[in-house]
Amino acid sequence: MLTQDNTEYFKGLLFQRMDELFAGANKAANDLDGLSDRYPDFVDRASIETDTSFSFHLKERESRLMKKINRALEKLNNGDFGVCEECGRKISEERLKARPMAVLCIRCKRKQEAIEKIKGL
């Protein structure tokens, strides 16, 4: 169980990550806004289309990360934060500081990555 200070610390980290995601998403949207009007040349527009496609992929990634952040905040509120979903052991504080939305301890995460590598995921 986390102390009140640790709970507030990790909430702060998670909200900071959330703010960074919002700032990045807003910047990307502003950068792409109106580009096709300014660059009517076909090659330039093709390049813009590629950039836009890349931006959408980033948004999908950011959306998944936002869901993980929200899930971690729910776990903080429920008292389940920092417990490995695979083995039930405590996730190390160092790991949570580096990746506060982690749901697996480092041992289970390594095992998962090894399986994914074998499967080619």
PDB file of N, CA and C in Angstrom:
ATOM      1  N   MET A   1       0.847  -1.192   0.000  1.00  0.00           N
ATOM      2  CA  MET A   1       0.000   0.000   0.000  1.00  0.00           C
ATOM      3  C   MET A   1       0.885   1.246   0.000  1.00  0.00           C
ATOM      4  N   LEU A   2       0.533   2.202  -0.817  1.00  0.00           N
ATOM      5  CA  LEU A   2       1.303   3.440  -0.916  1.00  0.00           C
ATOM      6  C   LEU A   2       0.956   4.394   0.217  1.00  0.00           C
ATOM      7  N   THR A   3       1.951   5.169   0.608  1.00  0.00           N
ATOM      8  CA  THR A   3       1.679   6.228   1.576  1.00  0.00           C
ATOM      9  C   THR A   3       0.949   7.359   0.865  1.00  0.00           C
ATOM     10  N   GLN A   4       0.373   8.257   1.626  1.00  0.00           N
ATOM     11  CA  GLN A   4      -0.329   9.406   1.046  1.00  0.00           C
ATOM     12  C   GLN A   4       0.631  10.244   0.202  1.00  0.00           C
ATOM     13  N   ASP A   5       1.865  10.426   0.705  1.00  0.00           N
ATOM     14  CA  ASP A   5       2.863  11.196  -0.051  1.00  0.00           C
ATOM     15  C   ASP A   5       3.190  10.524  -1.378  1.00  0.00           C
ATOM     16  N   ASN A   6       3.376   9.192  -1.351  1.00  0.00           N
ATOM     17  CA  ASN A   6       3.661   8.471  -2.594  1.00  0.00           C
ATOM     18  C   ASN A   6       2.489   8.542  -3.559  1.00  0.00           C
ATOM     19  N   THR A   7       1.283   8.430  -3.036  1.00  0.00           N
ATOM     20  CA  THR A   7       0.094   8.519  -3.883  1.00  0.00           C
ATOM     21  C   THR A   7       0.053   9.868  -4.585  1.00  0.00           C
ATOM     22  N   GLU A   8       0.283  10.927  -3.851  1.00  0.00           N
ATOM     23  CA  GLU A   8       0.284  12.270  -4.448  1.00  0.00           C
ATOM     24  C   GLU A   8       1.424  12.425  -5.441  1.00  0.00           C
ATOM     25  N   TYR A   9       2.580  11.864  -5.122  1.00  0.00           N
ATOM     26  CA  TYR A   9       3.730  11.936  -6.024  1.00  0.00           C
ATOM     27  C   TYR A   9       3.397  11.280  -7.365  1.00  0.00           C
ATOM     28  N   PHE A  10       2.845  10.064  -7.317  1.00  0.00           N
ATOM     29  CA  PHE A  10       2.539   9.353  -8.557  1.00  0.00           C
ATOM     30  C   PHE A  10       1.376   9.993  -9.310  1.00  0.00           C
ATOM     31  N   LYS A  11       0.410  10.543  -8.606  1.00  0.00           N
ATOM     32  CA  LYS A  11      -0.655  11.292  -9.288  1.00  0.00           C
ATOM     33  C   LYS A  11      -0.050  12.466 -10.042  1.00  0.00           C
ATOM     34  N   GLY A  12       0.878  13.156  -9.398  1.00  0.00           N
ATOM     35  CA  GLY A  12       1.550  14.279 -10.046  1.00  0.00           C
ATOM     36  C   GLY A  12       2.290  13.851 -11.296  1.00  0.00           C
ATOM     37  N   LEU A  13       3.012  12.727 -11.214  1.00  0.00           N
ATOM     38  CA  LEU A  13       3.727  12.211 -12.387  1.00  0.00           C
ATOM     39  C   LEU A  13       2.767  11.879 -13.521  1.00  0.00           C
ATOM     40  N   LEU A  14       1.676  11.223 -13.185  1.00  0.00           N
ATOM     41  CA  LEU A  14       0.704  10.826 -14.207  1.00  0.00           C
ATOM     42  C   LEU A  14       0.040  12.037 -14.848  1.00  0.00           C
ATOM     43  N   PHE A  15      -0.327  13.026 -14.043  1.00  0.00           N
ATOM     44  CA  PHE A  15      -0.927  14.238 -14.609  1.00  0.00           C
ATOM     45  C   PHE A  15       0.088  15.015 -15.448  1.00  0.00           C
ATOM     46  N   GLN A  16       1.358  14.977 -15.049  1.00  0.00           N
ATOM     47  CA  GLN A  16       2.402  15.626 -15.846  1.00  0.00           C
ATOM     48  C   GLN A  16       2.509  14.961 -17.215  1.00  0.00           C
ATOM     49  N   ARG A  17       2.504  13.619 -17.241  1.00  0.00           N
ATOM     50  CA  ARG A  17       2.555  12.897 -18.523  1.00  0.00           C
ATOM     51  C   ARG A  17       1.336  13.233 -19.377  1.00  0.00           C
ATOM     52  N   MET A  18       0.182  13.347 -18.731  1.00  0.00           N
ATOM     53  CA  MET A  18      -1.047  13.684 -19.441  1.00  0.00           C
ATOM     54  C   MET A  18      -0.930  15.078 -20.065  1.00  0.00           C
ATOM     55  N   ASP A  19      -0.419  16.033 -19.305  1.00  0.00           N
ATOM     56  CA  ASP A  19      -0.228  17.391 -19.819  1.00  0.00           C
ATOM     57  C   ASP A  19       0.729  17.405 -21.002  1.00  0.00           C
ATOM     58  N   GLU A  20       1.799  16.606 -20.918  1.00  0.00           N
ATOM     59  CA  GLU A  20       2.761  16.522 -22.021  1.00  0.00           C
ATOM     60  C   GLU A  20       2.099  15.966 -23.278  1.00  0.00           C
ATOM     61  N   LEU A  21       1.242  14.969 -23.109  1.00  0.00           N
ATOM     62  CA  LEU A  21       0.526  14.406 -24.258  1.00  0.00           C
ATOM     63  C   LEU A  21      -0.390  15.438 -24.901  1.00  0.00           C
ATOM     64  N   PHE A  22      -1.138  16.163 -24.073  1.00  0.00           N
ATOM     65  CA  PHE A  22      -2.033  17.195 -24.606  1.00  0.00           C
ATOM     66  C   PHE A  22      -1.247  18.278 -25.338  1.00  0.00           C
ATOM     67  N   ALA A  23      -0.130  18.699 -24.763  1.00  0.00           N
ATOM     68  CA  ALA A  23       0.685  19.741 -25.394  1.00  0.00           C
ATOM     69  C   ALA A  23       1.218  19.260 -26.742  1.00  0.00           C
ATOM     70  N   GLY A  24       1.687  18.019 -26.786  1.00  0.00           N
ATOM     71  CA  GLY A  24       2.193  17.462 -28.039  1.00  0.00           C
ATOM     72  C   GLY A  24       1.110  17.323 -29.086  1.00  0.00           C
ATOM     73  N   ALA A  25      -0.069  16.897 -28.667  1.00  0.00           N
ATOM     74  CA  ALA A  25      -1.188  16.739 -29.603  1.00  0.00           C
ATOM     75  C   ALA A  25      -1.620  18.086 -30.159  1.00  0.00           C
ATOM     76  N   ASN A  26      -1.678  19.095 -29.306  1.00  0.00           N
ATOM     77  CA  ASN A  26      -2.065  20.433 -29.765  1.00  0.00           C
ATOM     78  C   ASN A  26      -1.044  21.000 -30.736  1.00  0.00           C
ATOM     79  N   LYS A  27       0.241  20.789 -30.457  1.00  0.00           N
ATOM     80  CA  LYS A  27       1.285  21.287 -31.351  1.00  0.00           C
ATOM     81  C   LYS A  27       1.189  20.605 -32.712  1.00  0.00           C
ATOM     82  N   ALA A  28       0.997  19.288 -32.706  1.00  0.00           N
ATOM     83  CA  ALA A  28       0.889  18.552 -33.970  1.00  0.00           C
ATOM     84  C   ALA A  28      -0.312  19.024 -34.776  1.00  0.00           C
ATOM     85  N   ALA A  29      -1.428  19.242 -34.113  1.00  0.00           N
ATOM     86  CA  ALA A  29      -2.632  19.710 -34.808  1.00  0.00           C
ATOM     87  C   ALA A  29      -2.406  21.096 -35.394  1.00  0.00           C
ATOM     88  N   ASN A  30      -1.768  21.970 -34.646  1.00  0.00           N
ATOM     89  CA  ASN A  30      -1.496  23.321 -35.139  1.00  0.00           C
ATOM     90  C   ASN A  30      -0.509  23.311 -36.294  1.00  0.00           C
ATOM     91  N   ASP A  31       0.482  22.426 -36.237  1.00  0.00           N
ATOM     92  CA  ASP A  31       1.468  22.338 -37.313  1.00  0.00           C
ATOM     93  C   ASP A  31       0.840  21.881 -38.623  1.00  0.00           C
ATOM     94  N   LEU A  32      -0.149  20.995 -38.546  1.00  0.00           N
ATOM     95  CA  LEU A  32      -0.771  20.457 -39.757  1.00  0.00           C
ATOM     96  C   LEU A  32      -1.916  21.310 -40.286  1.00  0.00           C
ATOM     97  N   ASP A  33      -2.463  22.138 -39.445  1.00  0.00           N
ATOM     98  CA  ASP A  33      -3.629  22.938 -39.807  1.00  0.00           C
ATOM     99  C   ASP A  33      -3.318  23.871 -40.976  1.00  0.00           C
ATOM    100  N   GLY A  34      -4.036  23.697 -42.054  1.00  0.00           N
ATOM    101  CA  GLY A  34      -3.932  24.598 -43.200  1.00  0.00           C
ATOM    102  C   GLY A  34      -2.733  24.376 -44.096  1.00  0.00           C
ATOM    103  N   LEU A  35      -1.973  23.309 -43.907  1.00  0.00           N
ATOM    104  CA  LEU A  35      -0.792  23.089 -44.734  1.00  0.00           C
ATOM    105  C   LEU A  35      -1.140  22.882 -46.203  1.00  0.00           C
ATOM    106  N   SER A  36      -2.203  22.143 -46.478  1.00  0.00           N
ATOM    107  CA  SER A  36      -2.527  21.858 -47.883  1.00  0.00           C
ATOM    108  C   SER A  36      -2.907  23.121 -48.637  1.00  0.00           C
ATOM    109  N   ASP A  37      -3.449  24.125 -47.961  1.00  0.00           N
ATOM    110  CA  ASP A  37      -3.783  25.387 -48.620  1.00  0.00           C
ATOM    111  C   ASP A  37      -2.527  26.173 -48.980  1.00  0.00           C
ATOM    112  N   ARG A  38      -1.505  26.046 -48.165  1.00  0.00           N
ATOM    113  CA  ARG A  38      -0.276  26.807 -48.391  1.00  0.00           C
ATOM    114  C   ARG A  38       0.652  26.145 -49.400  1.00  0.00           C
ATOM    115  N   TYR A  39       0.470  24.839 -49.632  1.00  0.00           N
ATOM    116  CA  TYR A  39       1.359  24.118 -50.530  1.00  0.00           C
ATOM    117  C   TYR A  39       0.548  23.392 -51.602  1.00  0.00           C
ATOM    118  N   PRO A  40       0.170  24.107 -52.655  1.00  0.00           N
ATOM    119  CA  PRO A  40      -0.672  23.499 -53.687  1.00  0.00           C
ATOM    120  C   PRO A  40       0.080  22.538 -54.609  1.00  0.00           C
ATOM    121  N   ASP A  41       1.420  22.576 -54.620  1.00  0.00           N
ATOM    122  CA  ASP A  41       2.200  21.701 -55.479  1.00  0.00           C
ATOM    123  C   ASP A  41       1.936  20.235 -55.116  1.00  0.00           C
ATOM    124  N   PHE A  42       1.825  19.394 -56.150  1.00  0.00           N
ATOM    125  CA  PHE A  42       1.483  17.985 -55.947  1.00  0.00           C
ATOM    126  C   PHE A  42       2.487  17.269 -55.043  1.00  0.00           C
ATOM    127  N   VAL A  43       3.780  17.479 -55.279  1.00  0.00           N
ATOM    128  CA  VAL A  43       4.812  16.812 -54.482  1.00  0.00           C
ATOM    129  C   VAL A  43       4.744  17.275 -53.034  1.00  0.00           C
ATOM    130  N   ASP A  44       4.552  18.582 -52.843  1.00  0.00           N
ATOM    131  CA  ASP A  44       4.430  19.111 -51.486  1.00  0.00           C
ATOM    132  C   ASP A  44       3.208  18.527 -50.782  1.00  0.00           C
ATOM    133  N   ARG A  45       2.123  18.413 -51.529  1.00  0.00           N
ATOM    134  CA  ARG A  45       0.895  17.870 -50.929  1.00  0.00           C
ATOM    135  C   ARG A  45       1.070  16.388 -50.582  1.00  0.00           C
ATOM    136  N   ALA A  46       1.805  15.651 -51.414  1.00  0.00           N
ATOM    137  CA  ALA A  46       2.074  14.241 -51.112  1.00  0.00           C
ATOM    138  C   ALA A  46       2.896  14.131 -49.832  1.00  0.00           C
ATOM    139  N   SER A  47       3.841  15.018 -49.688  1.00  0.00           N
ATOM    140  CA  SER A  47       4.656  15.040 -48.473  1.00  0.00           C
ATOM    141  C   SER A  47       3.803  15.366 -47.253  1.00  0.00           C
ATOM    142  N   ILE A  48       2.894  16.306 -47.433  1.00  0.00           N
ATOM    143  CA  ILE A  48       1.984  16.685 -46.345  1.00  0.00           C
ATOM    144  C   ILE A  48       1.091  15.506 -45.981  1.00  0.00           C
ATOM    145  N   GLU A  49       0.642  14.785 -47.005  1.00  0.00           N
ATOM    146  CA  GLU A  49      -0.205  13.608 -46.762  1.00  0.00           C
ATOM    147  C   GLU A  49       0.545  12.567 -45.934  1.00  0.00           C
ATOM    148  N   THR A  50       1.808  12.367 -46.248  1.00  0.00           N
ATOM    149  CA  THR A  50       2.634  11.441 -45.466  1.00  0.00           C
ATOM    150  C   THR A  50       2.769  11.921 -44.034  1.00  0.00           C
ATOM    151  N   ASP A  51       3.028  13.213 -43.863  1.00  0.00           N
ATOM    152  CA  ASP A  51       3.134  13.787 -42.516  1.00  0.00           C
ATOM    153  C   ASP A  51       1.828  13.637 -41.748  1.00  0.00           C
ATOM    154  N   THR A  52       0.721  13.836 -42.433  1.00  0.00           N
ATOM    155  CA  THR A  52      -0.590  13.711 -41.793  1.00  0.00           C
ATOM    156  C   THR A  52      -0.835  12.271 -41.355  1.00  0.00           C
ATOM    157  N   SER A  53      -0.491  11.323 -42.214  1.00  0.00           N
ATOM    158  CA  SER A  53      -0.647   9.909 -41.873  1.00  0.00           C
ATOM    159  C   SER A  53       0.196   9.562 -40.651  1.00  0.00           C
ATOM    160  N   PHE A  54       1.425  10.043 -40.637  1.00  0.00           N
ATOM    161  CA  PHE A  54       2.305   9.818 -39.493  1.00  0.00           C
ATOM    162  C   PHE A  54       1.712  10.430 -38.233  1.00  0.00           C
ATOM    163  N   SER A  55       1.143  11.617 -38.376  1.00  0.00           N
ATOM    164  CA  SER A  55       0.527  12.300 -37.240  1.00  0.00           C
ATOM    165  C   SER A  55      -0.634  11.487 -36.674  1.00  0.00           C
ATOM    166  N   PHE A  56      -1.436  10.890 -37.551  1.00  0.00           N
ATOM    167  CA  PHE A  56      -2.551  10.065 -37.081  1.00  0.00           C
ATOM    168  C   PHE A  56      -2.052   8.843 -36.312  1.00  0.00           C
ATOM    169  N   HIS A  57      -0.952   8.251 -36.788  1.00  0.00           N
ATOM    170  CA  HIS A  57      -0.380   7.114 -36.064  1.00  0.00           C
ATOM    171  C   HIS A  57       0.105   7.549 -34.684  1.00  0.00           C
ATOM    172  N   LEU A  58       0.693   8.732 -34.617  1.00  0.00           N
ATOM    173  CA  LEU A  58       1.119   9.261 -33.320  1.00  0.00           C
ATOM    174  C   LEU A  58      -0.076   9.477 -32.405  1.00  0.00           C
ATOM    175  N   LYS A  59      -1.171   9.978 -32.979  1.00  0.00           N
ATOM    176  CA  LYS A  59      -2.370  10.208 -32.176  1.00  0.00           C
ATOM    177  C   LYS A  59      -2.917   8.897 -31.624  1.00  0.00           C
ATOM    178  N   GLU A  60      -2.865   7.836 -32.423  1.00  0.00           N
ATOM    179  CA  GLU A  60      -3.307   6.526 -31.942  1.00  0.00           C
ATOM    180  C   GLU A  60      -2.438   6.073 -30.778  1.00  0.00           C
ATOM    181  N   ARG A  61      -1.131   6.272 -30.919  1.00  0.00           N
ATOM    182  CA  ARG A  61      -0.195   5.904 -29.851  1.00  0.00           C
ATOM    183  C   ARG A  61      -0.474   6.735 -28.603  1.00  0.00           C
ATOM    184  N   GLU A  62      -0.680   8.030 -28.803  1.00  0.00           N
ATOM    185  CA  GLU A  62      -0.972   8.914 -27.674  1.00  0.00           C
ATOM    186  C   GLU A  62      -2.287   8.525 -27.005  1.00  0.00           C
ATOM    187  N   SER A  63      -3.256   8.113 -27.792  1.00  0.00           N
ATOM    188  CA  SER A  63      -4.542   7.688 -27.244  1.00  0.00           C
ATOM    189  C   SER A  63      -4.373   6.446 -26.369  1.00  0.00           C
ATOM    190  N   ARG A  64      -3.578   5.484 -26.839  1.00  0.00           N
ATOM    191  CA  ARG A  64      -3.316   4.284 -26.036  1.00  0.00           C
ATOM    192  C   ARG A  64      -2.595   4.651 -24.740  1.00  0.00           C
ATOM    193  N   LEU A  65      -1.635   5.566 -24.841  1.00  0.00           N
ATOM    194  CA  LEU A  65      -0.901   5.998 -23.655  1.00  0.00           C
ATOM    195  C   LEU A  65      -1.820   6.729 -22.684  1.00  0.00           C
ATOM    196  N   MET A  66      -2.738   7.530 -23.209  1.00  0.00           N
ATOM    197  CA  MET A  66      -3.688   8.240 -22.352  1.00  0.00           C
ATOM    198  C   MET A  66      -4.580   7.246 -21.603  1.00  0.00           C
ATOM    199  N   LYS A  67      -4.988   6.179 -22.280  1.00  0.00           N
ATOM    200  CA  LYS A  67      -5.790   5.148 -21.617  1.00  0.00           C
ATOM    201  C   LYS A  67      -5.002   4.489 -20.490  1.00  0.00           C
ATOM    202  N   LYS A  68      -3.711   4.256 -20.726  1.00  0.00           N
ATOM    203  CA  LYS A  68      -2.870   3.663 -19.684  1.00  0.00           C
ATOM    204  C   LYS A  68      -2.729   4.609 -18.495  1.00  0.00           C
ATOM    205  N   ILE A  69      -2.605   5.890 -18.770  1.00  0.00           N
ATOM    206  CA  ILE A  69      -2.503   6.877 -17.692  1.00  0.00           C
ATOM    207  C   ILE A  69      -3.792   6.899 -16.883  1.00  0.00           C
ATOM    208  N   ASN A  70      -4.922   6.933 -17.571  1.00  0.00           N
ATOM    209  CA  ASN A  70      -6.215   6.928 -16.868  1.00  0.00           C
ATOM    210  C   ASN A  70      -6.395   5.658 -16.044  1.00  0.00           C
ATOM    211  N   ARG A  71      -5.959   4.546 -16.593  1.00  0.00           N
ATOM    212  CA  ARG A  71      -6.044   3.275 -15.866  1.00  0.00           C
ATOM    213  C   ARG A  71      -5.192   3.329 -14.599  1.00  0.00           C
ATOM    214  N   ALA A  72      -3.985   3.897 -14.703  1.00  0.00           N
ATOM    215  CA  ALA A  72      -3.107   4.021 -13.536  1.00  0.00           C
ATOM    216  C   ALA A  72      -3.728   4.935 -12.486  1.00  0.00           C
ATOM    217  N   LEU A  73      -4.375   6.012 -12.927  1.00  0.00           N
ATOM    218  CA  LEU A  73      -5.045   6.909 -11.978  1.00  0.00           C
ATOM    219  C   LEU A  73      -6.190   6.189 -11.265  1.00  0.00           C
ATOM    220  N   GLU A  74      -6.925   5.361 -11.998  1.00  0.00           N
ATOM    221  CA  GLU A  74      -7.992   4.562 -11.379  1.00  0.00           C
ATOM    222  C   GLU A  74      -7.409   3.614 -10.336  1.00  0.00           C
ATOM    223  N   LYS A  75      -6.286   2.985 -10.681  1.00  0.00           N
ATOM    224  CA  LYS A  75      -5.634   2.066  -9.749  1.00  0.00           C
ATOM    225  C   LYS A  75      -5.176   2.809  -8.493  1.00  0.00           C
ATOM    226  N   LEU A  76      -4.689   4.032  -8.666  1.00  0.00           N
ATOM    227  CA  LEU A  76      -4.302   4.834  -7.502  1.00  0.00           C
ATOM    228  C   LEU A  76      -5.502   5.072  -6.598  1.00  0.00           C
ATOM    229  N   ASN A  77      -6.620   5.406  -7.200  1.00  0.00           N
ATOM    230  CA  ASN A  77      -7.837   5.670  -6.425  1.00  0.00           C
ATOM    231  C   ASN A  77      -8.385   4.409  -5.758  1.00  0.00           C
ATOM    232  N   ASN A  78      -8.195   3.253  -6.411  1.00  0.00           N
ATOM    233  CA  ASN A  78      -8.719   1.988  -5.879  1.00  0.00           C
ATOM    234  C   ASN A  78      -7.762   1.291  -4.920  1.00  0.00           C
ATOM    235  N   GLY A  79      -6.525   1.784  -4.850  1.00  0.00           N
ATOM    236  CA  GLY A  79      -5.533   1.139  -3.989  1.00  0.00           C
ATOM    237  C   GLY A  79      -4.822  -0.035  -4.636  1.00  0.00           C
ATOM    238  N   ASP A  80      -4.992  -0.214  -5.959  1.00  0.00           N
ATOM    239  CA  ASP A  80      -4.347  -1.316  -6.682  1.00  0.00           C
ATOM    240  C   ASP A  80      -3.070  -0.887  -7.394  1.00  0.00           C
ATOM    241  N   PHE A  81      -2.710   0.365  -7.291  1.00  0.00           N
ATOM    242  CA  PHE A  81      -1.545   0.888  -8.005  1.00  0.00           C
ATOM    243  C   PHE A  81      -0.272   0.224  -7.484  1.00  0.00           C
ATOM    244  N   GLY A  82       0.599  -0.155  -8.409  1.00  0.00           N
ATOM    245  CA  GLY A  82       1.886  -0.725  -8.024  1.00  0.00           C
ATOM    246  C   GLY A  82       1.862  -2.220  -7.776  1.00  0.00           C
ATOM    247  N   VAL A  83       0.758  -2.876  -8.134  1.00  0.00           N
ATOM    248  CA  VAL A  83       0.648  -4.328  -7.984  1.00  0.00           C
ATOM    249  C   VAL A  83       0.666  -4.949  -9.379  1.00  0.00           C
ATOM    250  N   CYS A  84       1.565  -5.893  -9.592  1.00  0.00           N
ATOM    251  CA  CYS A  84       1.688  -6.552 -10.892  1.00  0.00           C
ATOM    252  C   CYS A  84       0.413  -7.321 -11.210  1.00  0.00           C
ATOM    253  N   GLU A  85      -0.125  -7.088 -12.388  1.00  0.00           N
ATOM    254  CA  GLU A  85      -1.358  -7.761 -12.805  1.00  0.00           C
ATOM    255  C   GLU A  85      -1.136  -9.228 -13.153  1.00  0.00           C
ATOM    256  N   GLU A  86       0.105  -9.605 -13.380  1.00  0.00           N
ATOM    257  CA  GLU A  86       0.404 -10.990 -13.749  1.00  0.00           C
ATOM    258  C   GLU A  86       0.660 -11.867 -12.521  1.00  0.00           C
ATOM    259  N   CYS A  87       1.568 -11.434 -11.648  1.00  0.00           N
ATOM    260  CA  CYS A  87       1.971 -12.283 -10.520  1.00  0.00           C
ATOM    261  C   CYS A  87       1.465 -11.792  -9.167  1.00  0.00           C
ATOM    262  N   GLY A  88       0.956 -10.568  -9.113  1.00  0.00           N
ATOM    263  CA  GLY A  88       0.431 -10.030  -7.860  1.00  0.00           C
ATOM    264  C   GLY A  88       1.479  -9.449  -6.929  1.00  0.00           C
ATOM    265  N   ARG A  89       2.741  -9.485  -7.354  1.00  0.00           N
ATOM    266  CA  ARG A  89       3.802  -8.900  -6.536  1.00  0.00           C
ATOM    267  C   ARG A  89       3.811  -7.387  -6.694  1.00  0.00           C
ATOM    268  N   LYS A  90       4.526  -6.767  -5.783  1.00  0.00           N
ATOM    269  CA  LYS A  90       4.664  -5.320  -5.811  1.00  0.00           C
ATOM    270  C   LYS A  90       5.608  -4.908  -6.950  1.00  0.00           C
ATOM    271  N   ILE A  91       5.228  -3.890  -7.714  1.00  0.00           N
ATOM    272  CA  ILE A  91       6.091  -3.324  -8.751  1.00  0.00           C
ATOM    273  C   ILE A  91       7.059  -2.380  -8.048  1.00  0.00           C
ATOM    274  N   SER A  92       8.335  -2.466  -8.393  1.00  0.00           N
ATOM    275  CA  SER A  92       9.337  -1.656  -7.698  1.00  0.00           C
ATOM    276  C   SER A  92       9.060  -0.164  -7.877  1.00  0.00           C
ATOM    277  N   GLU A  93       9.409   0.583  -6.848  1.00  0.00           N
ATOM    278  CA  GLU A  93       9.204   2.029  -6.892  1.00  0.00           C
ATOM    279  C   GLU A  93      10.029   2.664  -8.008  1.00  0.00           C
ATOM    280  N   GLU A  94      11.232   2.128  -8.252  1.00  0.00           N
ATOM    281  CA  GLU A  94      12.081   2.653  -9.331  1.00  0.00           C
ATOM    282  C   GLU A  94      11.383   2.504 -10.682  1.00  0.00           C
ATOM    283  N   ARG A  95      10.763   1.348 -10.893  1.00  0.00           N
ATOM    284  CA  ARG A  95      10.038   1.120 -12.157  1.00  0.00           C
ATOM    285  C   ARG A  95       8.858   2.067 -12.273  1.00  0.00           C
ATOM    286  N   LEU A  96       8.129   2.241 -11.184  1.00  0.00           N
ATOM    287  CA  LEU A  96       6.965   3.126 -11.220  1.00  0.00           C
ATOM    288  C   LEU A  96       7.371   4.581 -11.434  1.00  0.00           C
ATOM    289  N   LYS A  97       8.517   4.969 -10.904  1.00  0.00           N
ATOM    290  CA  LYS A  97       8.989   6.340 -11.134  1.00  0.00           C
ATOM    291  C   LYS A  97       9.349   6.542 -12.601  1.00  0.00           C
ATOM    292  N   ALA A  98       9.934   5.517 -13.215  1.00  0.00           N
ATOM    293  CA  ALA A  98      10.307   5.608 -14.629  1.00  0.00           C
ATOM    294  C   ALA A  98       9.095   5.490 -15.538  1.00  0.00           C
ATOM    295  N   ARG A  99       8.156   4.639 -15.152  1.00  0.00           N
ATOM    296  CA  ARG A  99       6.955   4.392 -15.969  1.00  0.00           C
ATOM    297  C   ARG A  99       5.773   4.195 -15.030  1.00  0.00           C
ATOM    298  N   PRO A 100       5.183   5.298 -14.575  1.00  0.00           N
ATOM    299  CA  PRO A 100       4.124   5.201 -13.576  1.00  0.00           C
ATOM    300  C   PRO A 100       2.861   4.479 -14.041  1.00  0.00           C
ATOM    301  N   MET A 101       2.721   4.263 -15.344  1.00  0.00           N
ATOM    302  CA  MET A 101       1.541   3.550 -15.828  1.00  0.00           C
ATOM    303  C   MET A 101       1.802   2.046 -15.999  1.00  0.00           C
ATOM    304  N   ALA A 102       2.953   1.574 -15.492  1.00  0.00           N
ATOM    305  CA  ALA A 102       3.303   0.154 -15.588  1.00  0.00           C
ATOM    306  C   ALA A 102       2.299  -0.700 -14.816  1.00  0.00           C
ATOM    307  N   VAL A 103       1.921  -1.824 -15.419  1.00  0.00           N
ATOM    308  CA  VAL A 103       0.992  -2.756 -14.764  1.00  0.00           C
ATOM    309  C   VAL A 103       1.651  -4.107 -14.505  1.00  0.00           C
ATOM    310  N   LEU A 104       2.895  -4.252 -14.970  1.00  0.00           N
ATOM    311  CA  LEU A 104       3.642  -5.486 -14.751  1.00  0.00           C
ATOM    312  C   LEU A 104       4.952  -5.170 -14.042  1.00  0.00           C
ATOM    313  N   CYS A 105       5.365  -6.063 -13.138  1.00  0.00           N
ATOM    314  CA  CYS A 105       6.681  -5.916 -12.529  1.00  0.00           C
ATOM    315  C   CYS A 105       7.717  -6.181 -13.623  1.00  0.00           C
ATOM    316  N   ILE A 106       8.958  -5.839 -13.358  1.00  0.00           N
ATOM    317  CA  ILE A 106       9.985  -5.961 -14.393  1.00  0.00           C
ATOM    318  C   ILE A 106      10.173  -7.423 -14.808  1.00  0.00           C
ATOM    319  N   ARG A 107      10.054  -8.349 -13.872  1.00  0.00           N
ATOM    320  CA  ARG A 107      10.206  -9.770 -14.187  1.00  0.00           C
ATOM    321  C   ARG A 107       9.124 -10.232 -15.167  1.00  0.00           C
ATOM    322  N   CYS A 108       7.880  -9.898 -14.880  1.00  0.00           N
ATOM    323  CA  CYS A 108       6.772 -10.300 -15.761  1.00  0.00           C
ATOM    324  C   CYS A 108       6.834  -9.563 -17.095  1.00  0.00           C
ATOM    325  N   LYS A 109       7.275  -8.311 -17.088  1.00  0.00           N
ATOM    326  CA  LYS A 109       7.398  -7.548 -18.332  1.00  0.00           C
ATOM    327  C   LYS A 109       8.454  -8.178 -19.234  1.00  0.00           C
ATOM    328  N   ARG A 110       9.580  -8.571 -18.651  1.00  0.00           N
ATOM    329  CA  ARG A 110      10.626  -9.225 -19.447  1.00  0.00           C
ATOM    330  C   ARG A 110      10.126 -10.547 -20.029  1.00  0.00           C
ATOM    331  N   LYS A 111       9.374 -11.279 -19.226  1.00  0.00           N
ATOM    332  CA  LYS A 111       8.805 -12.544 -19.700  1.00  0.00           C
ATOM    333  C   LYS A 111       7.854 -12.277 -20.871  1.00  0.00           C
ATOM    334  N   GLN A 112       7.002 -11.247 -20.737  1.00  0.00           N
ATOM    335  CA  GLN A 112       6.065 -10.881 -21.800  1.00  0.00           C
ATOM    336  C   GLN A 112       6.817 -10.487 -23.071  1.00  0.00           C
ATOM    337  N   GLU A 113       7.874  -9.685 -22.929  1.00  0.00           N
ATOM    338  CA  GLU A 113       8.651  -9.254 -24.091  1.00  0.00           C
ATOM    339  C   GLU A 113       9.341 -10.432 -24.769  1.00  0.00           C
ATOM    340  N   ALA A 114       9.827 -11.396 -23.989  1.00  0.00           N
ATOM    341  CA  ALA A 114      10.467 -12.580 -24.567  1.00  0.00           C
ATOM    342  C   ALA A 114       9.462 -13.384 -25.386  1.00  0.00           C
ATOM    343  N   ILE A 115       8.254 -13.529 -24.866  1.00  0.00           N
ATOM    344  CA  ILE A 115       7.204 -14.250 -25.595  1.00  0.00           C
ATOM    345  C   ILE A 115       6.846 -13.506 -26.876  1.00  0.00           C
ATOM    346  N   GLU A 116       6.721 -12.176 -26.791  1.00  0.00           N
ATOM    347  CA  GLU A 116       6.399 -11.380 -27.980  1.00  0.00           C
ATOM    348  C   GLU A 116       7.505 -11.482 -29.021  1.00  0.00           C
ATOM    349  N   LYS A 117       8.754 -11.525 -28.567  1.00  0.00           N
ATOM    350  CA  LYS A 117       9.880 -11.638 -29.494  1.00  0.00           C
ATOM    351  C   LYS A 117       9.838 -12.978 -30.223  1.00  0.00           C
ATOM    352  N   ILE A 118       9.528 -14.031 -29.490  1.00  0.00           N
ATOM    353  CA  ILE A 118       9.431 -15.363 -30.100  1.00  0.00           C
ATOM    354  C   ILE A 118       8.302 -15.403 -31.128  1.00  0.00           C
ATOM    355  N   LYS A 119       7.183 -14.772 -30.795  1.00  0.00           N
ATOM    356  CA  LYS A 119       6.027 -14.752 -31.696  1.00  0.00           C
ATOM    357  C   LYS A 119       6.190 -13.750 -32.830  1.00  0.00           C
ATOM    358  N   GLY A 120       7.210 -12.898 -32.728  1.00  0.00           N
ATOM    359  CA  GLY A 120       7.439 -11.903 -33.771  1.00  0.00           C
ATOM    360  C   GLY A 120       6.519 -10.711 -33.690  1.00  0.00           C
ATOM    361  N   LEU A 121       6.045 -10.381 -32.501  1.00  0.00           N
ATOM    362  CA  LEU A 121       5.142  -9.234 -32.334  1.00  0.00           C
ATOM    363  C   LEU A 121       5.901  -7.956 -32.151  1.00  0.00           C
TER     364      LEU A 121
END
